[in-house]
Amino acid sequence: MPQAFLTSPLSSIDTQAAIAIEPIAEPGREKVLLTLTGSAFAIERVIHELYRVGFAEVREWSKPVPTGKVNEVMRVLTRYVIIE
C-alpha cells in the first residue's frame, strides 16, 4: 500500500483514509515493513533483483516517496509473518 511518510505538495493521500483501508493483522501474524532508500534508479534496480530471486512482485512496493534529500526517494514493502 503506497503511503507518504513526509508532507509533500505532490502527495494528496488522506492519512485517515490510508489508515482506514490498511489490513489488520490477524492473531499470530505480525506486520513487517521493508524500506529501501536511495536514488530512484538504484532502488528500481534492487526491486527488480528481488523480483528475479522470487522475493516480491514489483507491484507490491509503494510508489517512490521523496525523503527531503536531493535525488533520494524511499519505497516500502509490507509483509506479514507468522508468529508462533
PDB file of N, CA and C in Angstrom:
ATOM      1  N   MET A   1       0.838  -1.167   0.000  1.00  0.00           N
ATOM      2  CA  MET A   1       0.000   0.000   0.000  1.00  0.00           C
ATOM      3  C   MET A   1       0.884   1.231   0.000  1.00  0.00           C
ATOM      4  N   PRO A   2       0.778   2.104  -1.002  1.00  0.00           N
ATOM      5  CA  PRO A   2       1.569   3.322  -1.010  1.00  0.00           C
ATOM      6  C   PRO A   2       1.152   4.228   0.133  1.00  0.00           C
ATOM      7  N   GLN A   3       2.156   4.808   0.775  1.00  0.00           N
ATOM      8  CA  GLN A   3       1.840   5.701   1.876  1.00  0.00           C
ATOM      9  C   GLN A   3       2.937   6.739   1.987  1.00  0.00           C
ATOM     10  N   ALA A   4       2.593   8.002   2.051  1.00  0.00           N
ATOM     11  CA  ALA A   4       3.572   9.073   2.177  1.00  0.00           C
ATOM     12  C   ALA A   4       4.006   9.192   3.631  1.00  0.00           C
ATOM     13  N   PHE A   5       5.311   9.311   3.853  1.00  0.00           N
ATOM     14  CA  PHE A   5       5.819   9.465   5.194  1.00  0.00           C
ATOM     15  C   PHE A   5       6.259  10.899   5.474  1.00  0.00           C
ATOM     16  N   LEU A   6       6.405  11.699   4.404  1.00  0.00           N
ATOM     17  CA  LEU A   6       6.751  13.098   4.548  1.00  0.00           C
ATOM     18  C   LEU A   6       5.671  13.936   3.887  1.00  0.00           C
ATOM     19  N   THR A   7       5.427  15.117   4.426  1.00  0.00           N
ATOM     20  CA  THR A   7       4.485  16.006   3.787  1.00  0.00           C
ATOM     21  C   THR A   7       5.081  16.463   2.477  1.00  0.00           C
ATOM     22  N   SER A   8       4.316  16.355   1.416  1.00  0.00           N
ATOM     23  CA  SER A   8       4.804  16.721   0.100  1.00  0.00           C
ATOM     24  C   SER A   8       3.672  17.359  -0.682  1.00  0.00           C
ATOM     25  N   PRO A   9       3.959  18.422  -1.438  1.00  0.00           N
ATOM     26  CA  PRO A   9       2.894  19.011  -2.247  1.00  0.00           C
ATOM     27  C   PRO A   9       2.409  18.038  -3.321  1.00  0.00           C
ATOM     28  N   LEU A  10       3.214  17.029  -3.652  1.00  0.00           N
ATOM     29  CA  LEU A  10       2.820  16.046  -4.650  1.00  0.00           C
ATOM     30  C   LEU A  10       1.901  14.981  -4.075  1.00  0.00           C
ATOM     31  N   SER A  11       1.876  14.888  -2.763  1.00  0.00           N
ATOM     32  CA  SER A  11       1.104  13.840  -2.119  1.00  0.00           C
ATOM     33  C   SER A  11      -0.291  14.337  -1.762  1.00  0.00           C
ATOM     34  N   SER A  12      -1.303  13.621  -2.232  1.00  0.00           N
ATOM     35  CA  SER A  12      -2.675  14.002  -1.889  1.00  0.00           C
ATOM     36  C   SER A  12      -3.346  12.884  -1.094  1.00  0.00           C
ATOM     37  N   ILE A  13      -2.532  12.071  -0.420  1.00  0.00           N
ATOM     38  CA  ILE A  13      -3.069  10.952   0.347  1.00  0.00           C
ATOM     39  C   ILE A  13      -3.687  11.471   1.638  1.00  0.00           C
ATOM     40  N   ASP A  14      -4.921  11.112   1.885  1.00  0.00           N
ATOM     41  CA  ASP A  14      -5.591  11.442   3.138  1.00  0.00           C
ATOM     42  C   ASP A  14      -5.146  10.401   4.152  1.00  0.00           C
ATOM     43  N   THR A  15      -4.379  10.810   5.181  1.00  0.00           N
ATOM     44  CA  THR A  15      -3.828   9.836   6.117  1.00  0.00           C
ATOM     45  C   THR A  15      -4.914   9.067   6.867  1.00  0.00           C
ATOM     46  N   GLN A  16      -6.022   9.692   7.172  1.00  0.00           N
ATOM     47  CA  GLN A  16      -7.100   8.976   7.852  1.00  0.00           C
ATOM     48  C   GLN A  16      -7.661   7.881   6.949  1.00  0.00           C
ATOM     49  N   ALA A  17      -7.802   8.169   5.651  1.00  0.00           N
ATOM     50  CA  ALA A  17      -8.299   7.166   4.708  1.00  0.00           C
ATOM     51  C   ALA A  17      -7.292   6.051   4.557  1.00  0.00           C
ATOM     52  N   ALA A  18      -5.998   6.390   4.533  1.00  0.00           N
ATOM     53  CA  ALA A  18      -4.958   5.368   4.391  1.00  0.00           C
ATOM     54  C   ALA A  18      -4.977   4.421   5.591  1.00  0.00           C
ATOM     55  N   ILE A  19      -5.173   4.975   6.774  1.00  0.00           N
ATOM     56  CA  ILE A  19      -5.225   4.145   7.983  1.00  0.00           C
ATOM     57  C   ILE A  19      -6.464   3.252   7.947  1.00  0.00           C
ATOM     58  N   ALA A  20      -7.572   3.769   7.481  1.00  0.00           N
ATOM     59  CA  ALA A  20      -8.821   3.023   7.484  1.00  0.00           C
ATOM     60  C   ALA A  20      -8.789   1.827   6.541  1.00  0.00           C
ATOM     61  N   ILE A  21      -8.036   1.899   5.430  1.00  0.00           N
ATOM     62  CA  ILE A  21      -8.041   0.793   4.482  1.00  0.00           C
ATOM     63  C   ILE A  21      -6.893  -0.193   4.701  1.00  0.00           C
ATOM     64  N   GLU A  22      -6.016   0.088   5.674  1.00  0.00           N
ATOM     65  CA  GLU A  22      -4.902  -0.816   5.937  1.00  0.00           C
ATOM     66  C   GLU A  22      -5.433  -2.110   6.549  1.00  0.00           C
ATOM     67  N   PRO A  23      -5.005  -3.266   6.001  1.00  0.00           N
ATOM     68  CA  PRO A  23      -5.486  -4.530   6.564  1.00  0.00           C
ATOM     69  C   PRO A  23      -5.000  -4.707   8.005  1.00  0.00           C
ATOM     70  N   ILE A  24      -5.840  -5.269   8.821  1.00  0.00           N
ATOM     71  CA  ILE A  24      -5.498  -5.525  10.216  1.00  0.00           C
ATOM     72  C   ILE A  24      -4.856  -6.899  10.306  1.00  0.00           C
ATOM     73  N   ALA A  25      -3.736  -6.984  11.003  1.00  0.00           N
ATOM     74  CA  ALA A  25      -3.052  -8.266  11.159  1.00  0.00           C
ATOM     75  C   ALA A  25      -3.917  -9.216  11.972  1.00  0.00           C
ATOM     76  N   GLU A  26      -3.952 -10.447  11.550  1.00  0.00           N
ATOM     77  CA  GLU A  26      -4.709 -11.468  12.267  1.00  0.00           C
ATOM     78  C   GLU A  26      -3.886 -11.959  13.451  1.00  0.00           C
ATOM     79  N   PRO A  27      -4.532 -12.562  14.445  1.00  0.00           N
ATOM     80  CA  PRO A  27      -3.773 -13.127  15.558  1.00  0.00           C
ATOM     81  C   PRO A  27      -2.756 -14.136  15.026  1.00  0.00           C
ATOM     82  N   GLY A  28      -1.547 -14.083  15.563  1.00  0.00           N
ATOM     83  CA  GLY A  28      -0.498 -14.984  15.111  1.00  0.00           C
ATOM     84  C   GLY A  28       0.289 -14.458  13.922  1.00  0.00           C
ATOM     85  N   ARG A  29      -0.063 -13.251  13.451  1.00  0.00           N
ATOM     86  CA  ARG A  29       0.655 -12.632  12.336  1.00  0.00           C
ATOM     87  C   ARG A  29       1.161 -11.264  12.775  1.00  0.00           C
ATOM     88  N   GLU A  30       2.336 -10.899  12.295  1.00  0.00           N
ATOM     89  CA  GLU A  30       2.904  -9.603  12.625  1.00  0.00           C
ATOM     90  C   GLU A  30       3.325  -8.885  11.351  1.00  0.00           C
ATOM     91  N   LYS A  31       3.053  -7.581  11.299  1.00  0.00           N
ATOM     92  CA  LYS A  31       3.392  -6.779  10.125  1.00  0.00           C
ATOM     93  C   LYS A  31       4.860  -6.376  10.182  1.00  0.00           C
ATOM     94  N   VAL A  32       5.533  -6.483   9.028  1.00  0.00           N
ATOM     95  CA  VAL A  32       6.928  -6.072   8.888  1.00  0.00           C
ATOM     96  C   VAL A  32       7.028  -5.138   7.689  1.00  0.00           C
ATOM     97  N   LEU A  33       7.682  -3.985   7.859  1.00  0.00           N
ATOM     98  CA  LEU A  33       7.893  -3.048   6.763  1.00  0.00           C
ATOM     99  C   LEU A  33       9.355  -3.121   6.327  1.00  0.00           C
ATOM    100  N   LEU A  34       9.572  -3.344   5.036  1.00  0.00           N
ATOM    101  CA  LEU A  34      10.914  -3.321   4.460  1.00  0.00           C
ATOM    102  C   LEU A  34      11.041  -2.015   3.703  1.00  0.00           C
ATOM    103  N   THR A  35      12.097  -1.263   3.956  1.00  0.00           N
ATOM    104  CA  THR A  35      12.262   0.065   3.375  1.00  0.00           C
ATOM    105  C   THR A  35      13.553   0.136   2.574  1.00  0.00           C
ATOM    106  N   LEU A  36      13.450   0.680   1.364  1.00  0.00           N
ATOM    107  CA  LEU A  36      14.615   0.960   0.532  1.00  0.00           C
ATOM    108  C   LEU A  36      14.727   2.465   0.404  1.00  0.00           C
ATOM    109  N   THR A  37      15.929   2.996   0.590  1.00  0.00           N
ATOM    110  CA  THR A  37      16.172   4.425   0.456  1.00  0.00           C
ATOM    111  C   THR A  37      17.398   4.626  -0.410  1.00  0.00           C
ATOM    112  N   GLY A  38      17.289   5.510  -1.397  1.00  0.00           N
ATOM    113  CA  GLY A  38      18.408   5.811  -2.283  1.00  0.00           C
ATOM    114  C   GLY A  38      17.906   6.506  -3.524  1.00  0.00           C
ATOM    115  N   SER A  39      18.728   6.497  -4.571  1.00  0.00           N
ATOM    116  CA  SER A  39      18.284   7.129  -5.816  1.00  0.00           C
ATOM    117  C   SER A  39      17.190   6.271  -6.437  1.00  0.00           C
ATOM    118  N   ALA A  40      16.321   6.903  -7.208  1.00  0.00           N
ATOM    119  CA  ALA A  40      15.222   6.170  -7.844  1.00  0.00           C
ATOM    120  C   ALA A  40      15.754   5.050  -8.718  1.00  0.00           C
ATOM    121  N   PHE A  41      16.842   5.302  -9.440  1.00  0.00           N
ATOM    122  CA  PHE A  41      17.428   4.290 -10.318  1.00  0.00           C
ATOM    123  C   PHE A  41      17.921   3.088  -9.516  1.00  0.00           C
ATOM    124  N   ALA A  42      18.669   3.344  -8.444  1.00  0.00           N
ATOM    125  CA  ALA A  42      19.232   2.256  -7.638  1.00  0.00           C
ATOM    126  C   ALA A  42      18.135   1.421  -6.978  1.00  0.00           C
ATOM    127  N   ILE A  43      17.128   2.086  -6.451  1.00  0.00           N
ATOM    128  CA  ILE A  43      16.026   1.367  -5.810  1.00  0.00           C
ATOM    129  C   ILE A  43      15.289   0.497  -6.822  1.00  0.00           C
ATOM    130  N   GLU A  44      15.015   1.046  -7.992  1.00  0.00           N
ATOM    131  CA  GLU A  44      14.333   0.272  -9.039  1.00  0.00           C
ATOM    132  C   GLU A  44      15.140  -0.976  -9.386  1.00  0.00           C
ATOM    133  N   ARG A  45      16.436  -0.830  -9.447  1.00  0.00           N
ATOM    134  CA  ARG A  45      17.304  -1.970  -9.766  1.00  0.00           C
ATOM    135  C   ARG A  45      17.227  -3.052  -8.676  1.00  0.00           C
ATOM    136  N   VAL A  46      17.282  -2.643  -7.420  1.00  0.00           N
ATOM    137  CA  VAL A  46      17.198  -3.602  -6.310  1.00  0.00           C
ATOM    138  C   VAL A  46      15.838  -4.298  -6.309  1.00  0.00           C
ATOM    139  N   ILE A  47      14.764  -3.557  -6.535  1.00  0.00           N
ATOM    140  CA  ILE A  47      13.426  -4.149  -6.556  1.00  0.00           C
ATOM    141  C   ILE A  47      13.322  -5.205  -7.653  1.00  0.00           C
ATOM    142  N   HIS A  48      13.887  -4.925  -8.820  1.00  0.00           N
ATOM    143  CA  HIS A  48      13.852  -5.918  -9.900  1.00  0.00           C
ATOM    144  C   HIS A  48      14.744  -7.118  -9.601  1.00  0.00           C
ATOM    145  N   GLU A  49      15.853  -6.911  -8.916  1.00  0.00           N
ATOM    146  CA  GLU A  49      16.698  -8.037  -8.497  1.00  0.00           C
ATOM    147  C   GLU A  49      15.953  -8.916  -7.487  1.00  0.00           C
ATOM    148  N   LEU A  50      15.255  -8.283  -6.542  1.00  0.00           N
ATOM    149  CA  LEU A  50      14.475  -9.053  -5.570  1.00  0.00           C
ATOM    150  C   LEU A  50      13.344  -9.822  -6.254  1.00  0.00           C
ATOM    151  N   TYR A  51      12.766  -9.243  -7.302  1.00  0.00           N
ATOM    152  CA  TYR A  51      11.737  -9.939  -8.075  1.00  0.00           C
ATOM    153  C   TYR A  51      12.328 -11.170  -8.771  1.00  0.00           C
ATOM    154  N   ARG A  52      13.510 -11.006  -9.360  1.00  0.00           N
ATOM    155  CA  ARG A  52      14.146 -12.124 -10.080  1.00  0.00           C
ATOM    156  C   ARG A  52      14.437 -13.323  -9.176  1.00  0.00           C
ATOM    157  N   VAL A  53      14.747 -13.068  -7.912  1.00  0.00           N
ATOM    158  CA  VAL A  53      15.026 -14.179  -6.998  1.00  0.00           C
ATOM    159  C   VAL A  53      13.767 -14.673  -6.291  1.00  0.00           C
ATOM    160  N   GLY A  54      12.602 -14.093  -6.648  1.00  0.00           N
ATOM    161  CA  GLY A  54      11.339 -14.568  -6.105  1.00  0.00           C
ATOM    162  C   GLY A  54      10.944 -13.989  -4.763  1.00  0.00           C
ATOM    163  N   PHE A  55      11.556 -12.870  -4.367  1.00  0.00           N
ATOM    164  CA  PHE A  55      11.258 -12.293  -3.060  1.00  0.00           C
ATOM    165  C   PHE A  55       9.943 -11.532  -3.033  1.00  0.00           C
ATOM    166  N   ALA A  56       9.699 -10.688  -4.055  1.00  0.00           N
ATOM    167  CA  ALA A  56       8.475  -9.878  -4.072  1.00  0.00           C
ATOM    168  C   ALA A  56       8.182  -9.418  -5.489  1.00  0.00           C
ATOM    169  N   GLU A  57       6.894  -9.263  -5.777  1.00  0.00           N
ATOM    170  CA  GLU A  57       6.474  -8.706  -7.059  1.00  0.00           C
ATOM    171  C   GLU A  57       6.811  -7.210  -7.076  1.00  0.00           C
ATOM    172  N   VAL A  58       7.160  -6.693  -8.226  1.00  0.00           N
ATOM    173  CA  VAL A  58       7.487  -5.273  -8.360  1.00  0.00           C
ATOM    174  C   VAL A  58       6.306  -4.414  -7.937  1.00  0.00           C
ATOM    175  N   ARG A  59       5.096  -4.818  -8.278  1.00  0.00           N
ATOM    176  CA  ARG A  59       3.901  -4.028  -7.970  1.00  0.00           C
ATOM    177  C   ARG A  59       3.571  -3.985  -6.475  1.00  0.00           C
ATOM    178  N   GLU A  60       4.187  -4.840  -5.667  1.00  0.00           N
ATOM    179  CA  GLU A  60       3.913  -4.856  -4.225  1.00  0.00           C
ATOM    180  C   GLU A  60       4.581  -3.693  -3.486  1.00  0.00           C
ATOM    181  N   TRP A  61       5.585  -3.078  -4.089  1.00  0.00           N
ATOM    182  CA  TRP A  61       6.289  -1.971  -3.455  1.00  0.00           C
ATOM    183  C   TRP A  61       5.480  -0.684  -3.606  1.00  0.00           C
ATOM    184  N   SER A  62       5.618   0.208  -2.654  1.00  0.00           N
ATOM    185  CA  SER A  62       4.949   1.509  -2.739  1.00  0.00           C
ATOM    186  C   SER A  62       5.541   2.316  -3.884  1.00  0.00           C
ATOM    187  N   LYS A  63       4.859   3.388  -4.230  1.00  0.00           N
ATOM    188  CA  LYS A  63       5.404   4.324  -5.203  1.00  0.00           C
ATOM    189  C   LYS A  63       6.539   5.097  -4.528  1.00  0.00           C
ATOM    190  N   PRO A  64       7.486   5.637  -5.301  1.00  0.00           N
ATOM    191  CA  PRO A  64       8.585   6.410  -4.691  1.00  0.00           C
ATOM    192  C   PRO A  64       8.055   7.624  -3.931  1.00  0.00           C
ATOM    193  N   VAL A  65       8.600   7.835  -2.750  1.00  0.00           N
ATOM    194  CA  VAL A  65       8.242   8.969  -1.901  1.00  0.00           C
ATOM    195  C   VAL A  65       9.511   9.774  -1.645  1.00  0.00           C
ATOM    196  N   PRO A  66       9.510  11.081  -1.915  1.00  0.00           N
ATOM    197  CA  PRO A  66      10.702  11.895  -1.651  1.00  0.00           C
ATOM    198  C   PRO A  66      11.054  11.881  -0.166  1.00  0.00           C
ATOM    199  N   THR A  67      12.356  11.820   0.135  1.00  0.00           N
ATOM    200  CA  THR A  67      12.792  11.814   1.533  1.00  0.00           C
ATOM    201  C   THR A  67      13.132  13.198   2.047  1.00  0.00           C
ATOM    202  N   GLY A  68      13.237  14.158   1.135  1.00  0.00           N
ATOM    203  CA  GLY A  68      13.658  15.501   1.532  1.00  0.00           C
ATOM    204  C   GLY A  68      15.114  15.759   1.198  1.00  0.00           C
ATOM    205  N   LYS A  69      15.858  14.704   0.875  1.00  0.00           N
ATOM    206  CA  LYS A  69      17.251  14.851   0.447  1.00  0.00           C
ATOM    207  C   LYS A  69      17.282  14.887  -1.077  1.00  0.00           C
ATOM    208  N   VAL A  70      18.270  15.544  -1.620  1.00  0.00           N
ATOM    209  CA  VAL A  70      18.398  15.673  -3.067  1.00  0.00           C
ATOM    210  C   VAL A  70      18.597  14.296  -3.706  1.00  0.00           C
ATOM    211  N   ASN A  71      17.823  14.015  -4.749  1.00  0.00           N
ATOM    212  CA  ASN A  71      17.911  12.764  -5.522  1.00  0.00           C
ATOM    213  C   ASN A  71      17.731  11.510  -4.664  1.00  0.00           C
ATOM    214  N   GLU A  72      16.948  11.594  -3.590  1.00  0.00           N
ATOM    215  CA  GLU A  72      16.722  10.429  -2.747  1.00  0.00           C
ATOM    216  C   GLU A  72      15.227  10.187  -2.583  1.00  0.00           C
ATOM    217  N   VAL A  73      14.822   8.938  -2.743  1.00  0.00           N
ATOM    218  CA  VAL A  73      13.433   8.532  -2.526  1.00  0.00           C
ATOM    219  C   VAL A  73      13.412   7.297  -1.654  1.00  0.00           C
ATOM    220  N   MET A  74      12.214   6.960  -1.219  1.00  0.00           N
ATOM    221  CA  MET A  74      12.027   5.779  -0.382  1.00  0.00           C
ATOM    222  C   MET A  74      10.872   4.971  -0.962  1.00  0.00           C
ATOM    223  N   ARG A  75      11.001   3.636  -0.917  1.00  0.00           N
ATOM    224  CA  ARG A  75       9.896   2.747  -1.286  1.00  0.00           C
ATOM    225  C   ARG A  75       9.766   1.701  -0.197  1.00  0.00           C
ATOM    226  N   VAL A  76       8.528   1.291   0.085  1.00  0.00           N
ATOM    227  CA  VAL A  76       8.245   0.408   1.212  1.00  0.00           C
ATOM    228  C   VAL A  76       7.491  -0.830   0.727  1.00  0.00           C
ATOM    229  N   LEU A  77       7.810  -1.963   1.319  1.00  0.00           N
ATOM    230  CA  LEU A  77       7.096  -3.216   1.074  1.00  0.00           C
ATOM    231  C   LEU A  77       6.563  -3.702   2.419  1.00  0.00           C
ATOM    232  N   THR A  78       5.289  -4.045   2.471  1.00  0.00           N
ATOM    233  CA  THR A  78       4.689  -4.565   3.700  1.00  0.00           C
ATOM    234  C   THR A  78       4.527  -6.066   3.569  1.00  0.00           C
ATOM    235  N   ARG A  79       5.000  -6.781   4.564  1.00  0.00           N
ATOM    236  CA  ARG A  79       4.846  -8.232   4.615  1.00  0.00           C
ATOM    237  C   ARG A  79       4.274  -8.610   5.977  1.00  0.00           C
ATOM    238  N   TYR A  80       3.625  -9.757   6.037  1.00  0.00           N
ATOM    239  CA  TYR A  80       3.118 -10.285   7.302  1.00  0.00           C
ATOM    240  C   TYR A  80       3.801 -11.626   7.544  1.00  0.00           C
ATOM    241  N   VAL A  81       4.290 -11.813   8.766  1.00  0.00           N
ATOM    242  CA  VAL A  81       4.946 -13.068   9.123  1.00  0.00           C
ATOM    243  C   VAL A  81       4.133 -13.773  10.196  1.00  0.00           C
ATOM    244  N   ILE A  82       4.216 -15.095  10.199  1.00  0.00           N
ATOM    245  CA  ILE A  82       3.512 -15.888  11.214  1.00  0.00           C
ATOM    246  C   ILE A  82       4.370 -15.954  12.455  1.00  0.00           C
ATOM    247  N   ILE A  83       3.780 -15.618  13.576  1.00  0.00           N
ATOM    248  CA  ILE A  83       4.445 -15.661  14.877  1.00  0.00           C
ATOM    249  C   ILE A  83       3.878 -16.858  15.633  1.00  0.00           C
ATOM    250  N   GLU A  84       4.747 -17.754  16.018  1.00  0.00           N
ATOM    251  CA  GLU A  84       4.272 -18.956  16.736  1.00  0.00           C
ATOM    252  C   GLU A  84       4.611 -18.896  18.184  1.00  0.00           C
TER     253      GLU A  84
END
